[in-house]
Amino acid sequence: MQSLVTLARRISVFPTLLACVALFILMVMTFCDVILRSVFNAPIEAATELTRILMAILVFSVLPMISAGKGQIAVDLTDGVFSRLRLSRARDAVVYLISGIILFWPIQRVWVLAERARDYGDVTEYLAIPVFYVGWFIAASTAITAVAMIVTGLLYIFAPHTLSEHHQ
């Protein structure tokens, strides 16, 4: 079990690199767009659509790691109660499992919308990038997030020792 957790942590480097590359491209494109707009009055016309695509890649590529690694923003109003009753692990397991299961509805909806865009032949305005690729990426990343959350919830129940101290 520990080897699977180690493998998952090593694989998680790739979405981080993808997010880093997307952020770097976004920074360079924004810088160039501002300079071209200000100095030469010639903005990058495709900047808006590229920004949308790069933001989707940036957000959804790291979603599985953030969600499974307790990186979400949380308000800990009940932590004191659950800690005193020694129910923190059970609460976390239930939250992860329910959240992972609930994600299957948006996955299905995004997939349907991506397929509709593919059927209609929707493309971006300037670069004619097929829109369904972004939808597929969002659906796949959300599916990976759902599986990661369910596995994390099961680990809280059946193998809490495999989770790092960061998760406890």
N, C-alpha and C. Protein backbone atom coordinates (compact mmCIF):
# COMPACT_ATOMS: atom_id res chain seq x y z
N MET A 1 0.83 -1.19 0.00
CA MET A 1 0.00 0.00 0.00
C MET A 1 0.87 1.26 0.00
N GLN A 2 1.93 1.23 0.80
CA GLN A 2 2.82 2.39 0.89
C GLN A 2 3.49 2.66 -0.46
N SER A 3 3.81 1.58 -1.21
CA SER A 3 4.43 1.78 -2.52
C SER A 3 3.48 2.46 -3.50
N LEU A 4 2.17 2.16 -3.41
CA LEU A 4 1.20 2.83 -4.26
C LEU A 4 1.09 4.31 -3.92
N VAL A 5 1.14 4.62 -2.65
CA VAL A 5 1.09 6.02 -2.22
C VAL A 5 2.34 6.75 -2.72
N THR A 6 3.50 6.10 -2.63
CA THR A 6 4.74 6.70 -3.11
C THR A 6 4.67 6.91 -4.63
N LEU A 7 4.15 5.94 -5.35
CA LEU A 7 4.00 6.06 -6.80
C LEU A 7 3.06 7.22 -7.15
N ALA A 8 1.96 7.33 -6.44
CA ALA A 8 1.02 8.42 -6.68
C ALA A 8 1.67 9.78 -6.44
N ARG A 9 2.49 9.86 -5.41
CA ARG A 9 3.19 11.13 -5.12
C ARG A 9 4.19 11.46 -6.22
N ARG A 10 4.86 10.45 -6.75
CA ARG A 10 5.82 10.71 -7.84
C ARG A 10 5.11 11.11 -9.12
N ILE A 11 3.98 10.48 -9.41
CA ILE A 11 3.22 10.82 -10.61
C ILE A 11 2.65 12.23 -10.51
N SER A 12 2.38 12.68 -9.30
CA SER A 12 1.78 14.01 -9.12
C SER A 12 2.71 15.14 -9.54
N VAL A 13 3.95 14.83 -9.85
CA VAL A 13 4.88 15.86 -10.33
C VAL A 13 4.46 16.35 -11.72
N PHE A 14 3.93 15.48 -12.55
CA PHE A 14 3.58 15.84 -13.93
C PHE A 14 2.48 16.90 -14.01
N PRO A 15 1.37 16.77 -13.25
CA PRO A 15 0.39 17.86 -13.31
C PRO A 15 0.95 19.18 -12.78
N THR A 16 1.85 19.10 -11.82
CA THR A 16 2.48 20.32 -11.31
C THR A 16 3.32 20.98 -12.39
N LEU A 17 4.08 20.18 -13.13
CA LEU A 17 4.87 20.72 -14.23
C LEU A 17 3.98 21.32 -15.31
N LEU A 18 2.89 20.66 -15.61
CA LEU A 18 1.95 21.18 -16.60
C LEU A 18 1.39 22.53 -16.15
N ALA A 19 1.03 22.63 -14.89
CA ALA A 19 0.52 23.90 -14.35
C ALA A 19 1.59 24.98 -14.39
N CYS A 20 2.83 24.61 -14.08
CA CYS A 20 3.94 25.57 -14.12
C CYS A 20 4.17 26.08 -15.54
N VAL A 21 4.14 25.19 -16.51
CA VAL A 21 4.33 25.59 -17.90
C VAL A 21 3.19 26.50 -18.35
N ALA A 22 1.96 26.14 -17.99
CA ALA A 22 0.81 26.97 -18.35
C ALA A 22 0.92 28.36 -17.72
N LEU A 23 1.34 28.42 -16.45
CA LEU A 23 1.49 29.71 -15.78
C LEU A 23 2.60 30.53 -16.43
N PHE A 24 3.70 29.90 -16.79
CA PHE A 24 4.80 30.62 -17.42
C PHE A 24 4.38 31.18 -18.77
N ILE A 25 3.70 30.36 -19.58
CA ILE A 25 3.22 30.83 -20.88
C ILE A 25 2.23 31.99 -20.68
N LEU A 26 1.37 31.86 -19.69
CA LEU A 26 0.41 32.92 -19.39
C LEU A 26 1.11 34.22 -19.00
N MET A 27 2.16 34.11 -18.18
CA MET A 27 2.92 35.31 -17.78
C MET A 27 3.59 35.96 -18.98
N VAL A 28 4.27 35.17 -19.80
CA VAL A 28 4.98 35.71 -20.96
C VAL A 28 3.99 36.33 -21.94
N MET A 29 2.88 35.65 -22.17
CA MET A 29 1.88 36.16 -23.10
C MET A 29 1.29 37.48 -22.59
N THR A 30 0.98 37.54 -21.31
CA THR A 30 0.43 38.77 -20.73
C THR A 30 1.42 39.91 -20.82
N PHE A 31 2.69 39.63 -20.51
CA PHE A 31 3.73 40.66 -20.61
C PHE A 31 3.84 41.18 -22.04
N CYS A 32 3.92 40.26 -22.99
CA CYS A 32 4.03 40.65 -24.41
C CYS A 32 2.79 41.42 -24.85
N ASP A 33 1.62 40.98 -24.42
CA ASP A 33 0.39 41.65 -24.79
C ASP A 33 0.37 43.09 -24.27
N VAL A 34 0.80 43.29 -23.03
CA VAL A 34 0.82 44.64 -22.45
C VAL A 34 1.81 45.52 -23.20
N ILE A 35 2.99 44.99 -23.48
CA ILE A 35 4.00 45.77 -24.19
C ILE A 35 3.52 46.11 -25.60
N LEU A 36 3.02 45.11 -26.32
CA LEU A 36 2.54 45.35 -27.68
C LEU A 36 1.35 46.32 -27.70
N ARG A 37 0.49 46.20 -26.72
CA ARG A 37 -0.69 47.07 -26.64
C ARG A 37 -0.27 48.51 -26.33
N SER A 38 0.64 48.67 -25.37
CA SER A 38 1.04 50.00 -24.92
C SER A 38 1.97 50.71 -25.89
N VAL A 39 2.97 50.00 -26.38
CA VAL A 39 4.00 50.63 -27.20
C VAL A 39 3.60 50.71 -28.66
N PHE A 40 3.07 49.63 -29.21
CA PHE A 40 2.80 49.57 -30.65
C PHE A 40 1.31 49.63 -31.00
N ASN A 41 0.46 49.72 -29.98
CA ASN A 41 -0.99 49.72 -30.18
C ASN A 41 -1.42 48.51 -31.02
N ALA A 42 -0.80 47.36 -30.73
CA ALA A 42 -1.08 46.13 -31.47
C ALA A 42 -1.18 44.97 -30.49
N PRO A 43 -2.29 44.82 -29.80
CA PRO A 43 -2.42 43.74 -28.83
C PRO A 43 -2.44 42.36 -29.50
N ILE A 44 -2.18 41.36 -28.72
CA ILE A 44 -2.30 39.97 -29.20
C ILE A 44 -3.79 39.66 -29.24
N GLU A 45 -4.31 39.47 -30.43
CA GLU A 45 -5.76 39.29 -30.56
C GLU A 45 -6.27 38.01 -29.91
N ALA A 46 -5.46 36.98 -29.89
CA ALA A 46 -5.88 35.70 -29.33
C ALA A 46 -5.60 35.60 -27.83
N ALA A 47 -5.19 36.69 -27.21
CA ALA A 47 -4.82 36.63 -25.79
C ALA A 47 -5.97 36.20 -24.90
N THR A 48 -7.16 36.65 -25.19
CA THR A 48 -8.31 36.31 -24.34
C THR A 48 -8.60 34.82 -24.37
N GLU A 49 -8.65 34.25 -25.57
CA GLU A 49 -8.95 32.81 -25.65
C GLU A 49 -7.80 31.97 -25.11
N LEU A 50 -6.56 32.40 -25.32
CA LEU A 50 -5.43 31.67 -24.76
C LEU A 50 -5.42 31.77 -23.23
N THR A 51 -5.81 32.92 -22.70
CA THR A 51 -5.89 33.08 -21.24
C THR A 51 -6.92 32.12 -20.66
N ARG A 52 -8.08 32.02 -21.29
CA ARG A 52 -9.11 31.10 -20.80
C ARG A 52 -8.61 29.65 -20.82
N ILE A 53 -7.98 29.26 -21.91
CA ILE A 53 -7.49 27.88 -22.03
C ILE A 53 -6.39 27.61 -21.02
N LEU A 54 -5.44 28.54 -20.91
CA LEU A 54 -4.33 28.35 -19.97
C LEU A 54 -4.80 28.36 -18.52
N MET A 55 -5.80 29.17 -18.20
CA MET A 55 -6.34 29.18 -16.84
C MET A 55 -7.04 27.85 -16.53
N ALA A 56 -7.75 27.30 -17.51
CA ALA A 56 -8.38 25.99 -17.31
C ALA A 56 -7.32 24.93 -17.06
N ILE A 57 -6.24 24.96 -17.85
CA ILE A 57 -5.16 24.00 -17.66
C ILE A 57 -4.52 24.19 -16.29
N LEU A 58 -4.26 25.42 -15.93
CA LEU A 58 -3.63 25.73 -14.65
C LEU A 58 -4.46 25.24 -13.47
N VAL A 59 -5.73 25.57 -13.47
CA VAL A 59 -6.59 25.21 -12.33
C VAL A 59 -6.86 23.72 -12.27
N PHE A 60 -7.25 23.14 -13.39
CA PHE A 60 -7.70 21.75 -13.35
C PHE A 60 -6.55 20.75 -13.33
N SER A 61 -5.35 21.14 -13.73
CA SER A 61 -4.24 20.18 -13.66
C SER A 61 -3.80 19.94 -12.22
N VAL A 62 -3.93 20.93 -11.36
CA VAL A 62 -3.51 20.74 -9.96
C VAL A 62 -4.68 20.39 -9.05
N LEU A 63 -5.89 20.37 -9.58
CA LEU A 63 -7.07 20.05 -8.77
C LEU A 63 -6.97 18.71 -8.03
N PRO A 64 -6.51 17.63 -8.68
CA PRO A 64 -6.41 16.37 -7.93
C PRO A 64 -5.47 16.44 -6.74
N MET A 65 -4.32 17.09 -6.92
CA MET A 65 -3.35 17.16 -5.82
C MET A 65 -3.85 18.04 -4.69
N ILE A 66 -4.44 19.17 -5.03
CA ILE A 66 -4.95 20.07 -4.01
C ILE A 66 -6.07 19.39 -3.24
N SER A 67 -6.96 18.73 -3.94
CA SER A 67 -8.12 18.10 -3.29
C SER A 67 -7.72 16.91 -2.42
N ALA A 68 -6.85 16.06 -2.91
CA ALA A 68 -6.46 14.88 -2.13
C ALA A 68 -5.43 15.22 -1.06
N GLY A 69 -4.77 16.35 -1.19
CA GLY A 69 -3.72 16.71 -0.25
C GLY A 69 -4.12 17.71 0.80
N LYS A 70 -5.42 17.87 1.03
CA LYS A 70 -5.95 18.81 2.02
C LYS A 70 -5.50 20.24 1.73
N GLY A 71 -5.45 20.60 0.47
CA GLY A 71 -5.04 21.95 0.11
C GLY A 71 -6.20 22.90 -0.07
N GLN A 72 -7.42 22.42 0.18
CA GLN A 72 -8.59 23.25 0.01
C GLN A 72 -8.64 24.31 1.12
N ILE A 73 -9.35 25.36 0.84
CA ILE A 73 -9.62 26.36 1.87
C ILE A 73 -10.69 25.77 2.77
N ALA A 74 -10.46 25.81 4.07
CA ALA A 74 -11.40 25.20 5.00
C ALA A 74 -11.64 26.13 6.19
N VAL A 75 -12.85 26.12 6.67
CA VAL A 75 -13.18 26.84 7.89
C VAL A 75 -13.34 25.78 8.97
N ASP A 76 -12.50 25.86 9.98
CA ASP A 76 -12.45 24.80 10.98
C ASP A 76 -13.31 25.12 12.21
N LEU A 77 -14.58 25.35 11.99
CA LEU A 77 -15.48 25.67 13.09
C LEU A 77 -15.73 24.48 14.01
N THR A 78 -15.65 23.28 13.47
CA THR A 78 -15.96 22.09 14.27
C THR A 78 -14.73 21.27 14.64
N ASP A 79 -13.53 21.74 14.31
CA ASP A 79 -12.33 20.96 14.59
C ASP A 79 -12.15 20.66 16.07
N GLY A 80 -12.45 21.62 16.91
CA GLY A 80 -12.31 21.40 18.35
C GLY A 80 -13.19 20.27 18.84
N VAL A 81 -14.43 20.26 18.38
CA VAL A 81 -15.38 19.21 18.80
C VAL A 81 -14.93 17.85 18.30
N PHE A 82 -14.58 17.77 17.02
CA PHE A 82 -14.17 16.49 16.44
C PHE A 82 -12.86 16.00 17.05
N SER A 83 -11.95 16.90 17.38
CA SER A 83 -10.68 16.49 17.99
C SER A 83 -10.90 15.93 19.39
N ARG A 84 -11.74 16.59 20.15
CA ARG A 84 -12.01 16.10 21.52
C ARG A 84 -12.65 14.72 21.50
N LEU A 85 -13.52 14.48 20.53
CA LEU A 85 -14.21 13.20 20.43
C LEU A 85 -13.42 12.16 19.64
N ARG A 86 -12.23 12.54 19.17
CA ARG A 86 -11.37 11.68 18.37
C ARG A 86 -12.09 11.17 17.11
N LEU A 87 -12.81 12.07 16.49
CA LEU A 87 -13.56 11.73 15.28
C LEU A 87 -13.05 12.46 14.04
N SER A 88 -11.90 13.12 14.16
CA SER A 88 -11.38 13.90 13.03
C SER A 88 -11.13 13.02 11.82
N ARG A 89 -10.54 11.86 12.04
CA ARG A 89 -10.23 10.96 10.93
C ARG A 89 -11.51 10.46 10.26
N ALA A 90 -12.52 10.12 11.06
CA ALA A 90 -13.80 9.66 10.50
C ALA A 90 -14.48 10.79 9.73
N ARG A 91 -14.44 12.00 10.28
CA ARG A 91 -15.03 13.15 9.57
C ARG A 91 -14.33 13.36 8.23
N ASP A 92 -12.99 13.34 8.24
CA ASP A 92 -12.24 13.55 7.00
C ASP A 92 -12.54 12.46 5.99
N ALA A 93 -12.65 11.22 6.45
CA ALA A 93 -12.96 10.12 5.54
C ALA A 93 -14.33 10.33 4.89
N VAL A 94 -15.31 10.69 5.69
CA VAL A 94 -16.67 10.90 5.16
C VAL A 94 -16.69 12.07 4.18
N VAL A 95 -16.01 13.15 4.52
CA VAL A 95 -15.99 14.33 3.64
C VAL A 95 -15.32 13.97 2.31
N TYR A 96 -14.19 13.27 2.37
CA TYR A 96 -13.50 12.89 1.13
C TYR A 96 -14.37 11.96 0.28
N LEU A 97 -14.98 10.97 0.90
CA LEU A 97 -15.80 10.03 0.14
C LEU A 97 -17.01 10.70 -0.49
N ILE A 98 -17.72 11.49 0.30
CA ILE A 98 -18.91 12.17 -0.24
C ILE A 98 -18.51 13.15 -1.34
N SER A 99 -17.45 13.91 -1.11
CA SER A 99 -17.01 14.88 -2.12
C SER A 99 -16.58 14.19 -3.40
N GLY A 100 -15.86 13.07 -3.28
CA GLY A 100 -15.44 12.34 -4.46
C GLY A 100 -16.61 11.77 -5.24
N ILE A 101 -17.59 11.27 -4.53
CA ILE A 101 -18.78 10.70 -5.18
C ILE A 101 -19.60 11.80 -5.85
N ILE A 102 -19.75 12.93 -5.18
CA ILE A 102 -20.54 14.03 -5.73
C ILE A 102 -19.91 14.58 -7.01
N LEU A 103 -18.60 14.49 -7.14
CA LEU A 103 -17.93 15.02 -8.33
C LEU A 103 -18.32 14.30 -9.62
N PHE A 104 -18.90 13.13 -9.51
CA PHE A 104 -19.26 12.41 -10.73
C PHE A 104 -20.38 13.10 -11.51
N TRP A 105 -21.22 13.89 -10.84
CA TRP A 105 -22.24 14.64 -11.56
C TRP A 105 -21.62 15.72 -12.44
N PRO A 106 -20.74 16.62 -11.91
CA PRO A 106 -20.13 17.60 -12.81
C PRO A 106 -19.27 16.97 -13.90
N ILE A 107 -18.63 15.84 -13.61
CA ILE A 107 -17.85 15.16 -14.64
C ILE A 107 -18.75 14.80 -15.81
N GLN A 108 -19.89 14.22 -15.49
CA GLN A 108 -20.84 13.80 -16.53
C GLN A 108 -21.35 15.01 -17.30
N ARG A 109 -21.68 16.09 -16.62
CA ARG A 109 -22.19 17.29 -17.28
C ARG A 109 -21.13 17.93 -18.18
N VAL A 110 -19.90 18.05 -17.70
CA VAL A 110 -18.84 18.65 -18.52
C VAL A 110 -18.57 17.78 -19.74
N TRP A 111 -18.61 16.46 -19.56
CA TRP A 111 -18.39 15.56 -20.69
C TRP A 111 -19.49 15.76 -21.75
N VAL A 112 -20.74 15.86 -21.30
CA VAL A 112 -21.85 16.08 -22.23
C VAL A 112 -21.66 17.40 -22.99
N LEU A 113 -21.26 18.44 -22.27
CA LEU A 113 -21.04 19.74 -22.92
C LEU A 113 -19.87 19.68 -23.90
N ALA A 114 -18.82 18.96 -23.54
CA ALA A 114 -17.68 18.82 -24.45
C ALA A 114 -18.08 18.06 -25.71
N GLU A 115 -18.86 17.01 -25.54
CA GLU A 115 -19.32 16.24 -26.70
C GLU A 115 -20.25 17.07 -27.58
N ARG A 116 -21.08 17.90 -26.95
CA ARG A 116 -21.96 18.78 -27.73
C ARG A 116 -21.11 19.77 -28.54
N ALA A 117 -20.08 20.32 -27.92
CA ALA A 117 -19.19 21.25 -28.63
C ALA A 117 -18.48 20.54 -29.78
N ARG A 118 -18.11 19.28 -29.56
CA ARG A 118 -17.47 18.51 -30.63
C ARG A 118 -18.44 18.26 -31.78
N ASP A 119 -19.67 17.89 -31.44
CA ASP A 119 -20.68 17.63 -32.47
C ASP A 119 -21.00 18.90 -33.29
N TYR A 120 -21.04 20.04 -32.61
CA TYR A 120 -21.33 21.30 -33.30
C TYR A 120 -20.12 21.86 -34.02
N GLY A 121 -18.93 21.34 -33.71
CA GLY A 121 -17.72 21.85 -34.34
C GLY A 121 -17.26 23.19 -33.78
N ASP A 122 -17.58 23.45 -32.50
CA ASP A 122 -17.21 24.72 -31.87
C ASP A 122 -15.69 24.85 -31.79
N VAL A 123 -15.20 26.01 -32.21
CA VAL A 123 -13.78 26.33 -32.13
C VAL A 123 -13.62 27.73 -31.55
N THR A 124 -12.41 28.04 -31.07
CA THR A 124 -12.16 29.37 -30.55
C THR A 124 -12.13 30.38 -31.70
N GLU A 125 -12.33 31.64 -31.36
CA GLU A 125 -12.54 32.68 -32.37
C GLU A 125 -11.33 32.95 -33.26
N TYR A 126 -10.15 33.11 -32.66
CA TYR A 126 -8.98 33.52 -33.45
C TYR A 126 -8.11 32.35 -33.91
N LEU A 127 -7.87 31.41 -33.04
CA LEU A 127 -6.95 30.32 -33.36
C LEU A 127 -7.64 29.05 -33.84
N ALA A 128 -8.97 29.03 -33.79
CA ALA A 128 -9.77 27.88 -34.23
C ALA A 128 -9.37 26.59 -33.51
N ILE A 129 -9.10 26.72 -32.21
CA ILE A 129 -8.81 25.54 -31.39
C ILE A 129 -10.14 24.90 -31.03
N PRO A 130 -10.30 23.59 -31.27
CA PRO A 130 -11.56 22.93 -30.90
C PRO A 130 -11.81 23.04 -29.38
N VAL A 131 -12.99 23.52 -29.05
CA VAL A 131 -13.35 23.77 -27.66
C VAL A 131 -13.49 22.48 -26.86
N PHE A 132 -13.86 21.40 -27.51
CA PHE A 132 -14.11 20.15 -26.77
C PHE A 132 -12.86 19.60 -26.11
N TYR A 133 -11.67 19.94 -26.63
CA TYR A 133 -10.45 19.46 -25.98
C TYR A 133 -10.33 20.00 -24.56
N VAL A 134 -10.68 21.25 -24.39
CA VAL A 134 -10.65 21.85 -23.05
C VAL A 134 -11.68 21.17 -22.16
N GLY A 135 -12.86 20.91 -22.70
CA GLY A 135 -13.90 20.21 -21.94
C GLY A 135 -13.46 18.81 -21.54
N TRP A 136 -12.85 18.10 -22.47
CA TRP A 136 -12.34 16.77 -22.14
C TRP A 136 -11.29 16.84 -21.04
N PHE A 137 -10.39 17.84 -21.13
CA PHE A 137 -9.35 17.99 -20.12
C PHE A 137 -9.96 18.27 -18.74
N ILE A 138 -10.96 19.15 -18.71
CA ILE A 138 -11.61 19.47 -17.44
C ILE A 138 -12.32 18.24 -16.88
N ALA A 139 -13.02 17.50 -17.73
CA ALA A 139 -13.72 16.29 -17.28
C ALA A 139 -12.73 15.24 -16.77
N ALA A 140 -11.63 15.05 -17.50
CA ALA A 140 -10.63 14.05 -17.08
C ALA A 140 -9.96 14.46 -15.77
N SER A 141 -9.61 15.72 -15.64
CA SER A 141 -8.98 16.19 -14.40
C SER A 141 -9.93 16.07 -13.23
N THR A 142 -11.20 16.38 -13.45
CA THR A 142 -12.19 16.25 -12.38
C THR A 142 -12.41 14.78 -12.03
N ALA A 143 -12.37 13.90 -13.02
CA ALA A 143 -12.50 12.46 -12.75
C ALA A 143 -11.32 11.95 -11.93
N ILE A 144 -10.13 12.39 -12.29
CA ILE A 144 -8.95 12.00 -11.50
C ILE A 144 -9.07 12.53 -10.08
N THR A 145 -9.60 13.75 -9.95
CA THR A 145 -9.81 14.33 -8.62
C THR A 145 -10.80 13.50 -7.82
N ALA A 146 -11.89 13.09 -8.46
CA ALA A 146 -12.89 12.27 -7.76
C ALA A 146 -12.29 10.96 -7.28
N VAL A 147 -11.54 10.30 -8.14
CA VAL A 147 -10.90 9.03 -7.76
C VAL A 147 -9.89 9.27 -6.63
N ALA A 148 -9.11 10.33 -6.74
CA ALA A 148 -8.12 10.64 -5.71
C ALA A 148 -8.79 10.91 -4.37
N MET A 149 -9.91 11.61 -4.39
CA MET A 149 -10.61 11.89 -3.13
C MET A 149 -11.22 10.63 -2.54
N ILE A 150 -11.78 9.78 -3.37
CA ILE A 150 -12.35 8.52 -2.86
C ILE A 150 -11.24 7.64 -2.29
N VAL A 151 -10.13 7.54 -3.00
CA VAL A 151 -9.01 6.73 -2.49
C VAL A 151 -8.48 7.32 -1.18
N THR A 152 -8.37 8.64 -1.10
CA THR A 152 -7.91 9.27 0.13
C THR A 152 -8.88 8.99 1.27
N GLY A 153 -10.18 9.07 1.00
CA GLY A 153 -11.18 8.74 2.03
C GLY A 153 -11.05 7.30 2.49
N LEU A 154 -10.84 6.38 1.55
CA LEU A 154 -10.66 4.97 1.92
C LEU A 154 -9.37 4.77 2.72
N LEU A 155 -8.32 5.51 2.36
CA LEU A 155 -7.08 5.41 3.12
C LEU A 155 -7.26 5.90 4.55
N TYR A 156 -8.06 6.95 4.74
CA TYR A 156 -8.34 7.43 6.10
C TYR A 156 -9.02 6.35 6.92
N ILE A 157 -9.84 5.51 6.26
CA ILE A 157 -10.56 4.46 6.98
C ILE A 157 -9.69 3.23 7.20
N PHE A 158 -9.08 2.71 6.11
CA PHE A 158 -8.44 1.41 6.16
C PHE A 158 -6.94 1.44 6.36
N ALA A 159 -6.28 2.52 6.00
CA ALA A 159 -4.81 2.55 6.12
C ALA A 159 -4.33 3.96 6.44
N PRO A 160 -4.73 4.49 7.58
CA PRO A 160 -4.35 5.87 7.90
C PRO A 160 -2.85 6.06 8.06
N HIS A 161 -2.14 4.99 8.36
CA HIS A 161 -0.68 5.09 8.53
C HIS A 161 0.03 5.39 7.22
N THR A 162 -0.63 5.11 6.07
CA THR A 162 0.02 5.38 4.79
C THR A 162 -0.01 6.86 4.42
N LEU A 163 -0.90 7.60 5.05
CA LEU A 163 -0.97 9.04 4.79
C LEU A 163 0.14 9.72 5.56
N SER A 164 0.70 10.75 4.96
CA SER A 164 1.78 11.46 5.64
C SER A 164 1.22 12.23 6.83
N GLU A 165 2.10 12.75 7.63
CA GLU A 165 1.66 13.52 8.78
C GLU A 165 0.93 14.78 8.35
N HIS A 166 1.23 15.23 7.13
CA HIS A 166 0.55 16.41 6.58
C HIS A 166 -0.96 16.19 6.52
N HIS A 167 -1.40 14.96 6.25
CA HIS A 167 -2.82 14.66 6.12
C HIS A 167 -3.50 14.45 7.46
N GLN A 168 -2.76 14.11 8.47
CA GLN A 168 -3.39 13.73 9.73
C GLN A 168 -3.95 14.89 10.49
